[in-house]
Amino acid sequence: MIRHHPAISASPTPPPQRGRFLRMPDVVRSVGLSQATINRLHRAGDFPRKVRIGPNSTGWWESEIDAWKADREQVPRSNERN
């Protein structure tokens, strides 16, 4: 019996560009916050979601960390002087 597979599109939609996968030490260096602060922000929903890549491995997509940092630059700081 011959089975036919559906035709594959000549130009499939490329996956989103997420960059590298960052583990906690990389994120600490990138954002300049401690691991405890990152975990606290994550639990509060104020930090990008972790991605599970294995039974004991989690991390973040670099592009999501970069977007979070860019958003933080837009937040006015109340203690800045003019």
PDB file of N, CA and C in Angstrom:
ATOM      1  N   MET A   1       0.828  -1.169   0.000  1.00  0.00           N
ATOM      2  CA  MET A   1       0.000   0.000   0.000  1.00  0.00           C
ATOM      3  C   MET A   1       0.884   1.248   0.000  1.00  0.00           C
ATOM      4  N   ILE A   2       0.612   2.163  -0.889  1.00  0.00           N
ATOM      5  CA  ILE A   2       1.375   3.402  -0.991  1.00  0.00           C
ATOM      6  C   ILE A   2       0.633   4.488  -0.216  1.00  0.00           C
ATOM      7  N   ARG A   3       1.393   5.178   0.644  1.00  0.00           N
ATOM      8  CA  ARG A   3       0.798   6.280   1.400  1.00  0.00           C
ATOM      9  C   ARG A   3       1.362   7.579   0.865  1.00  0.00           C
ATOM     10  N   HIS A   4       0.498   8.517   0.693  1.00  0.00           N
ATOM     11  CA  HIS A   4       0.926   9.826   0.221  1.00  0.00           C
ATOM     12  C   HIS A   4       0.956  10.788   1.395  1.00  0.00           C
ATOM     13  N   HIS A   5       2.009  11.506   1.470  1.00  0.00           N
ATOM     14  CA  HIS A   5       2.133  12.515   2.514  1.00  0.00           C
ATOM     15  C   HIS A   5       1.653  13.848   1.964  1.00  0.00           C
ATOM     16  N   PRO A   6       1.097  14.683   2.825  1.00  0.00           N
ATOM     17  CA  PRO A   6       0.671  15.994   2.324  1.00  0.00           C
ATOM     18  C   PRO A   6       1.855  16.759   1.759  1.00  0.00           C
ATOM     19  N   ALA A   7       1.571  17.577   0.782  1.00  0.00           N
ATOM     20  CA  ALA A   7       2.628  18.361   0.136  1.00  0.00           C
ATOM     21  C   ALA A   7       3.257  19.307   1.150  1.00  0.00           C
ATOM     22  N   ILE A   8       4.549  19.454   1.069  1.00  0.00           N
ATOM     23  CA  ILE A   8       5.274  20.369   1.931  1.00  0.00           C
ATOM     24  C   ILE A   8       5.374  21.695   1.215  1.00  0.00           C
ATOM     25  N   SER A   9       5.024  22.735   1.907  1.00  0.00           N
ATOM     26  CA  SER A   9       5.067  24.069   1.322  1.00  0.00           C
ATOM     27  C   SER A   9       6.500  24.414   0.939  1.00  0.00           C
ATOM     28  N   ALA A  10       6.650  25.084  -0.184  1.00  0.00           N
ATOM     29  CA  ALA A  10       7.978  25.472  -0.645  1.00  0.00           C
ATOM     30  C   ALA A  10       8.596  26.522   0.259  1.00  0.00           C
ATOM     31  N   SER A  11       7.769  27.328   0.907  1.00  0.00           N
ATOM     32  CA  SER A  11       8.303  28.365   1.794  1.00  0.00           C
ATOM     33  C   SER A  11       7.575  28.320   3.141  1.00  0.00           C
ATOM     34  N   PRO A  12       7.948  27.363   3.989  1.00  0.00           N
ATOM     35  CA  PRO A  12       7.282  27.273   5.285  1.00  0.00           C
ATOM     36  C   PRO A  12       7.567  28.509   6.126  1.00  0.00           C
ATOM     37  N   THR A  13       6.668  28.786   7.032  1.00  0.00           N
ATOM     38  CA  THR A  13       6.857  29.932   7.919  1.00  0.00           C
ATOM     39  C   THR A  13       8.018  29.627   8.848  1.00  0.00           C
ATOM     40  N   PRO A  14       9.015  30.500   8.874  1.00  0.00           N
ATOM     41  CA  PRO A  14      10.159  30.240   9.744  1.00  0.00           C
ATOM     42  C   PRO A  14       9.769  30.409  11.209  1.00  0.00           C
ATOM     43  N   PRO A  15      10.419  29.682  12.098  1.00  0.00           N
ATOM     44  CA  PRO A  15      10.118  29.839  13.515  1.00  0.00           C
ATOM     45  C   PRO A  15      10.549  31.230  13.972  1.00  0.00           C
ATOM     46  N   PRO A  16       9.920  31.736  15.038  1.00  0.00           N
ATOM     47  CA  PRO A  16      10.322  33.060  15.516  1.00  0.00           C
ATOM     48  C   PRO A  16      11.783  33.056  15.957  1.00  0.00           C
ATOM     49  N   GLN A  17      12.454  34.163  15.723  1.00  0.00           N
ATOM     50  CA  GLN A  17      13.856  34.275  16.113  1.00  0.00           C
ATOM     51  C   GLN A  17      13.929  34.602  17.595  1.00  0.00           C
ATOM     52  N   ARG A  18      14.365  33.667  18.380  1.00  0.00           N
ATOM     53  CA  ARG A  18      14.423  33.865  19.816  1.00  0.00           C
ATOM     54  C   ARG A  18      15.840  34.042  20.324  1.00  0.00           C
ATOM     55  N   GLY A  19      16.811  33.792  19.487  1.00  0.00           N
ATOM     56  CA  GLY A  19      18.188  33.933  19.923  1.00  0.00           C
ATOM     57  C   GLY A  19      18.641  32.732  20.729  1.00  0.00           C
ATOM     58  N   ARG A  20      19.594  32.994  21.576  1.00  0.00           N
ATOM     59  CA  ARG A  20      20.167  31.918  22.393  1.00  0.00           C
ATOM     60  C   ARG A  20      19.267  31.604  23.577  1.00  0.00           C
ATOM     61  N   PHE A  21      19.500  30.453  24.151  1.00  0.00           N
ATOM     62  CA  PHE A  21      18.827  30.049  25.375  1.00  0.00           C
ATOM     63  C   PHE A  21      19.749  30.394  26.533  1.00  0.00           C
ATOM     64  N   LEU A  22      19.257  31.153  27.500  1.00  0.00           N
ATOM     65  CA  LEU A  22      20.083  31.612  28.618  1.00  0.00           C
ATOM     66  C   LEU A  22      19.723  30.880  29.898  1.00  0.00           C
ATOM     67  N   ARG A  23      20.749  30.440  30.599  1.00  0.00           N
ATOM     68  CA  ARG A  23      20.564  29.849  31.920  1.00  0.00           C
ATOM     69  C   ARG A  23      20.700  30.946  32.961  1.00  0.00           C
ATOM     70  N   MET A  24      20.404  30.657  34.212  1.00  0.00           N
ATOM     71  CA  MET A  24      20.359  31.667  35.264  1.00  0.00           C
ATOM     72  C   MET A  24      21.635  32.509  35.363  1.00  0.00           C
ATOM     73  N   PRO A  25      22.842  31.935  35.363  1.00  0.00           N
ATOM     74  CA  PRO A  25      24.034  32.793  35.458  1.00  0.00           C
ATOM     75  C   PRO A  25      24.129  33.813  34.322  1.00  0.00           C
ATOM     76  N   ASP A  26      23.706  33.414  33.117  1.00  0.00           N
ATOM     77  CA  ASP A  26      23.713  34.332  31.982  1.00  0.00           C
ATOM     78  C   ASP A  26      22.709  35.461  32.181  1.00  0.00           C
ATOM     79  N   VAL A  27      21.540  35.124  32.718  1.00  0.00           N
ATOM     80  CA  VAL A  27      20.496  36.126  32.948  1.00  0.00           C
ATOM     81  C   VAL A  27      20.938  37.107  34.036  1.00  0.00           C
ATOM     82  N   VAL A  28      21.551  36.596  35.098  1.00  0.00           N
ATOM     83  CA  VAL A  28      22.057  37.462  36.180  1.00  0.00           C
ATOM     84  C   VAL A  28      23.028  38.485  35.599  1.00  0.00           C
ATOM     85  N   ARG A  29      23.961  38.028  34.768  1.00  0.00           N
ATOM     86  CA  ARG A  29      24.929  38.948  34.148  1.00  0.00           C
ATOM     87  C   ARG A  29      24.247  39.925  33.205  1.00  0.00           C
ATOM     88  N   SER A  30      23.266  39.454  32.465  1.00  0.00           N
ATOM     89  CA  SER A  30      22.614  40.279  31.457  1.00  0.00           C
ATOM     90  C   SER A  30      21.762  41.392  32.061  1.00  0.00           C
ATOM     91  N   VAL A  31      21.001  41.079  33.107  1.00  0.00           N
ATOM     92  CA  VAL A  31      20.075  42.079  33.658  1.00  0.00           C
ATOM     93  C   VAL A  31      20.642  42.828  34.847  1.00  0.00           C
ATOM     94  N   GLY A  32      21.708  42.325  35.450  1.00  0.00           N
ATOM     95  CA  GLY A  32      22.327  43.014  36.578  1.00  0.00           C
ATOM     96  C   GLY A  32      21.556  42.893  37.872  1.00  0.00           C
ATOM     97  N   LEU A  33      20.742  41.865  37.991  1.00  0.00           N
ATOM     98  CA  LEU A  33      19.992  41.608  39.218  1.00  0.00           C
ATOM     99  C   LEU A  33      20.458  40.291  39.819  1.00  0.00           C
ATOM    100  N   SER A  34      20.216  40.133  41.106  1.00  0.00           N
ATOM    101  CA  SER A  34      20.600  38.879  41.755  1.00  0.00           C
ATOM    102  C   SER A  34      19.628  37.768  41.373  1.00  0.00           C
ATOM    103  N   GLN A  35      20.044  36.538  41.601  1.00  0.00           N
ATOM    104  CA  GLN A  35      19.199  35.383  41.324  1.00  0.00           C
ATOM    105  C   GLN A  35      17.931  35.459  42.170  1.00  0.00           C
ATOM    106  N   ALA A  36      18.047  35.881  43.425  1.00  0.00           N
ATOM    107  CA  ALA A  36      16.881  35.983  44.304  1.00  0.00           C
ATOM    108  C   ALA A  36      15.874  37.001  43.769  1.00  0.00           C
ATOM    109  N   THR A  37      16.375  38.137  43.272  1.00  0.00           N
ATOM    110  CA  THR A  37      15.486  39.164  42.736  1.00  0.00           C
ATOM    111  C   THR A  37      14.806  38.677  41.460  1.00  0.00           C
ATOM    112  N   ILE A  38      15.558  37.998  40.606  1.00  0.00           N
ATOM    113  CA  ILE A  38      14.976  37.449  39.377  1.00  0.00           C
ATOM    114  C   ILE A  38      13.886  36.448  39.728  1.00  0.00           C
ATOM    115  N   ASN A  39      14.140  35.569  40.683  1.00  0.00           N
ATOM    116  CA  ASN A  39      13.127  34.587  41.092  1.00  0.00           C
ATOM    117  C   ASN A  39      11.898  35.266  41.688  1.00  0.00           C
ATOM    118  N   ARG A  40      12.108  36.313  42.470  1.00  0.00           N
ATOM    119  CA  ARG A  40      10.992  37.044  43.075  1.00  0.00           C
ATOM    120  C   ARG A  40      10.145  37.719  41.981  1.00  0.00           C
ATOM    121  N   LEU A  41      10.801  38.370  41.018  1.00  0.00           N
ATOM    122  CA  LEU A  41      10.081  38.994  39.907  1.00  0.00           C
ATOM    123  C   LEU A  41       9.327  37.952  39.084  1.00  0.00           C
ATOM    124  N   HIS A  42       9.955  36.800  38.870  1.00  0.00           N
ATOM    125  CA  HIS A  42       9.328  35.724  38.092  1.00  0.00           C
ATOM    126  C   HIS A  42       8.066  35.218  38.795  1.00  0.00           C
ATOM    127  N   ARG A  43       8.165  34.990  40.101  1.00  0.00           N
ATOM    128  CA  ARG A  43       6.998  34.520  40.866  1.00  0.00           C
ATOM    129  C   ARG A  43       5.861  35.539  40.843  1.00  0.00           C
ATOM    130  N   ALA A  44       6.215  36.825  40.817  1.00  0.00           N
ATOM    131  CA  ALA A  44       5.207  37.890  40.800  1.00  0.00           C
ATOM    132  C   ALA A  44       4.632  38.118  39.398  1.00  0.00           C
ATOM    133  N   GLY A  45       5.199  37.450  38.393  1.00  0.00           N
ATOM    134  CA  GLY A  45       4.738  37.623  37.025  1.00  0.00           C
ATOM    135  C   GLY A  45       5.312  38.854  36.349  1.00  0.00           C
ATOM    136  N   ASP A  46       6.392  39.398  36.906  1.00  0.00           N
ATOM    137  CA  ASP A  46       7.018  40.603  36.369  1.00  0.00           C
ATOM    138  C   ASP A  46       8.324  40.326  35.640  1.00  0.00           C
ATOM    139  N   PHE A  47       8.521  39.100  35.215  1.00  0.00           N
ATOM    140  CA  PHE A  47       9.738  38.703  34.516  1.00  0.00           C
ATOM    141  C   PHE A  47       9.333  37.652  33.494  1.00  0.00           C
ATOM    142  N   PRO A  48      10.055  37.531  32.388  1.00  0.00           N
ATOM    143  CA  PRO A  48       9.691  36.523  31.379  1.00  0.00           C
ATOM    144  C   PRO A  48       9.591  35.117  31.982  1.00  0.00           C
ATOM    145  N   ARG A  49       8.731  34.324  31.377  1.00  0.00           N
ATOM    146  CA  ARG A  49       8.520  32.955  31.847  1.00  0.00           C
ATOM    147  C   ARG A  49       9.731  32.078  31.550  1.00  0.00           C
ATOM    148  N   LYS A  50      10.002  31.179  32.470  1.00  0.00           N
ATOM    149  CA  LYS A  50      11.058  30.192  32.258  1.00  0.00           C
ATOM    150  C   LYS A  50      10.575  29.159  31.252  1.00  0.00           C
ATOM    151  N   VAL A  51      11.532  28.565  30.554  1.00  0.00           N
ATOM    152  CA  VAL A  51      11.247  27.492  29.610  1.00  0.00           C
ATOM    153  C   VAL A  51      11.935  26.247  30.131  1.00  0.00           C
ATOM    154  N   ARG A  52      11.205  25.158  30.222  1.00  0.00           N
ATOM    155  CA  ARG A  52      11.792  23.892  30.673  1.00  0.00           C
ATOM    156  C   ARG A  52      12.387  23.179  29.478  1.00  0.00           C
ATOM    157  N   ILE A  53      13.685  22.855  29.583  1.00  0.00           N
ATOM    158  CA  ILE A  53      14.335  22.149  28.478  1.00  0.00           C
ATOM    159  C   ILE A  53      14.731  20.727  28.860  1.00  0.00           C
ATOM    160  N   GLY A  54      14.499  20.366  30.092  1.00  0.00           N
ATOM    161  CA  GLY A  54      14.809  19.024  30.562  1.00  0.00           C
ATOM    162  C   GLY A  54      14.227  18.845  31.946  1.00  0.00           C
ATOM    163  N   PRO A  55      14.358  17.665  32.514  1.00  0.00           N
ATOM    164  CA  PRO A  55      13.769  17.415  33.829  1.00  0.00           C
ATOM    165  C   PRO A  55      14.310  18.347  34.915  1.00  0.00           C
ATOM    166  N   ASN A  56      15.550  18.760  34.809  1.00  0.00           N
ATOM    167  CA  ASN A  56      16.148  19.637  35.811  1.00  0.00           C
ATOM    168  C   ASN A  56      16.755  20.892  35.199  1.00  0.00           C
ATOM    169  N   SER A  57      16.295  21.260  34.016  1.00  0.00           N
ATOM    170  CA  SER A  57      16.897  22.389  33.308  1.00  0.00           C
ATOM    171  C   SER A  57      15.834  23.380  32.873  1.00  0.00           C
ATOM    172  N   THR A  58      16.039  24.638  33.261  1.00  0.00           N
ATOM    173  CA  THR A  58      15.168  25.705  32.806  1.00  0.00           C
ATOM    174  C   THR A  58      16.034  26.895  32.404  1.00  0.00           C
ATOM    175  N   GLY A  59      15.426  27.807  31.696  1.00  0.00           N
ATOM    176  CA  GLY A  59      16.134  29.000  31.296  1.00  0.00           C
ATOM    177  C   GLY A  59      15.200  29.930  30.574  1.00  0.00           C
ATOM    178  N   TRP A  60      15.756  30.904  29.888  1.00  0.00           N
ATOM    179  CA  TRP A  60      14.982  31.926  29.197  1.00  0.00           C
ATOM    180  C   TRP A  60      15.522  32.114  27.792  1.00  0.00           C
ATOM    181  N   TRP A  61      14.626  32.541  26.881  1.00  0.00           N
ATOM    182  CA  TRP A  61      15.054  32.919  25.550  1.00  0.00           C
ATOM    183  C   TRP A  61      15.674  34.302  25.633  1.00  0.00           C
ATOM    184  N   GLU A  62      16.811  34.463  25.003  1.00  0.00           N
ATOM    185  CA  GLU A  62      17.541  35.726  25.036  1.00  0.00           C
ATOM    186  C   GLU A  62      16.675  36.887  24.540  1.00  0.00           C
ATOM    187  N   SER A  63      15.886  36.662  23.506  1.00  0.00           N
ATOM    188  CA  SER A  63      15.051  37.730  22.954  1.00  0.00           C
ATOM    189  C   SER A  63      14.013  38.206  23.963  1.00  0.00           C
ATOM    190  N   GLU A  64      13.497  37.297  24.791  1.00  0.00           N
ATOM    191  CA  GLU A  64      12.515  37.690  25.799  1.00  0.00           C
ATOM    192  C   GLU A  64      13.167  38.498  26.915  1.00  0.00           C
ATOM    193  N   ILE A  65      14.396  38.153  27.266  1.00  0.00           N
ATOM    194  CA  ILE A  65      15.131  38.933  28.269  1.00  0.00           C
ATOM    195  C   ILE A  65      15.449  40.310  27.706  1.00  0.00           C
ATOM    196  N   ASP A  66      15.873  40.370  26.439  1.00  0.00           N
ATOM    197  CA  ASP A  66      16.171  41.659  25.810  1.00  0.00           C
ATOM    198  C   ASP A  66      14.925  42.543  25.746  1.00  0.00           C
ATOM    199  N   ALA A  67      13.774  41.959  25.423  1.00  0.00           N
ATOM    200  CA  ALA A  67      12.523  42.728  25.366  1.00  0.00           C
ATOM    201  C   ALA A  67      12.149  43.234  26.753  1.00  0.00           C
ATOM    202  N   TRP A  68      12.336  42.409  27.781  1.00  0.00           N
ATOM    203  CA  TRP A  68      12.040  42.824  29.159  1.00  0.00           C
ATOM    204  C   TRP A  68      12.930  43.999  29.549  1.00  0.00           C
ATOM    205  N   LYS A  69      14.214  43.919  29.206  1.00  0.00           N
ATOM    206  CA  LYS A  69      15.131  45.021  29.523  1.00  0.00           C
ATOM    207  C   LYS A  69      14.711  46.294  28.791  1.00  0.00           C
ATOM    208  N   ALA A  70      14.318  46.176  27.536  1.00  0.00           N
ATOM    209  CA  ALA A  70      13.887  47.346  26.767  1.00  0.00           C
ATOM    210  C   ALA A  70      12.636  47.966  27.386  1.00  0.00           C
ATOM    211  N   ASP A  71      11.711  47.132  27.846  1.00  0.00           N
ATOM    212  CA  ASP A  71      10.508  47.642  28.516  1.00  0.00           C
ATOM    213  C   ASP A  71      10.866  48.374  29.798  1.00  0.00           C
ATOM    214  N   ARG A  72      11.837  47.852  30.534  1.00  0.00           N
ATOM    215  CA  ARG A  72      12.246  48.481  31.798  1.00  0.00           C
ATOM    216  C   ARG A  72      12.875  49.848  31.550  1.00  0.00           C
ATOM    217  N   GLU A  73      13.527  50.026  30.421  1.00  0.00           N
ATOM    218  CA  GLU A  73      14.129  51.323  30.103  1.00  0.00           C
ATOM    219  C   GLU A  73      13.060  52.380  29.871  1.00  0.00           C
ATOM    220  N   GLN A  74      11.850  51.965  29.509  1.00  0.00           N
ATOM    221  CA  GLN A  74      10.763  52.894  29.236  1.00  0.00           C
ATOM    222  C   GLN A  74      10.014  53.311  30.504  1.00  0.00           C
ATOM    223  N   VAL A  75      10.220  52.593  31.610  1.00  0.00           N
ATOM    224  CA  VAL A  75       9.513  52.895  32.852  1.00  0.00           C
ATOM    225  C   VAL A  75      10.167  54.105  33.507  1.00  0.00           C
ATOM    226  N   PRO A  76       9.385  55.170  33.776  1.00  0.00           N
ATOM    227  CA  PRO A  76       9.978  56.331  34.447  1.00  0.00           C
ATOM    228  C   PRO A  76      10.357  55.990  35.879  1.00  0.00           C
ATOM    229  N   ARG A  77      11.472  56.498  36.305  1.00  0.00           N
ATOM    230  CA  ARG A  77      11.938  56.235  37.661  1.00  0.00           C
ATOM    231  C   ARG A  77      11.566  57.419  38.541  1.00  0.00           C
ATOM    232  N   SER A  78      10.926  57.143  39.653  1.00  0.00           N
ATOM    233  CA  SER A  78      10.418  58.200  40.515  1.00  0.00           C
ATOM    234  C   SER A  78      11.521  58.902  41.286  1.00  0.00           C
ATOM    235  N   ASN A  79      12.671  58.282  41.461  1.00  0.00           N
ATOM    236  CA  ASN A  79      13.726  58.891  42.250  1.00  0.00           C
ATOM    237  C   ASN A  79      14.797  59.591  41.405  1.00  0.00           C
ATOM    238  N   GLU A  80      14.562  59.721  40.105  1.00  0.00           N
ATOM    239  CA  GLU A  80      15.519  60.423  39.253  1.00  0.00           C
ATOM    240  C   GLU A  80      15.318  61.930  39.388  1.00  0.00           C
ATOM    241  N   ARG A  81      16.419  62.639  39.355  1.00  0.00           N
ATOM    242  CA  ARG A  81      16.348  64.098  39.406  1.00  0.00           C
ATOM    243  C   ARG A  81      16.483  64.652  38.007  1.00  0.00           C
ATOM    244  N   ASN A  82      15.830  65.760  37.754  1.00  0.00           N
ATOM    245  CA  ASN A  82      15.907  66.398  36.432  1.00  0.00           C
ATOM    246  C   ASN A  82      17.100  67.299  36.338  1.00  0.00           C
TER     247      ASN A  82
END
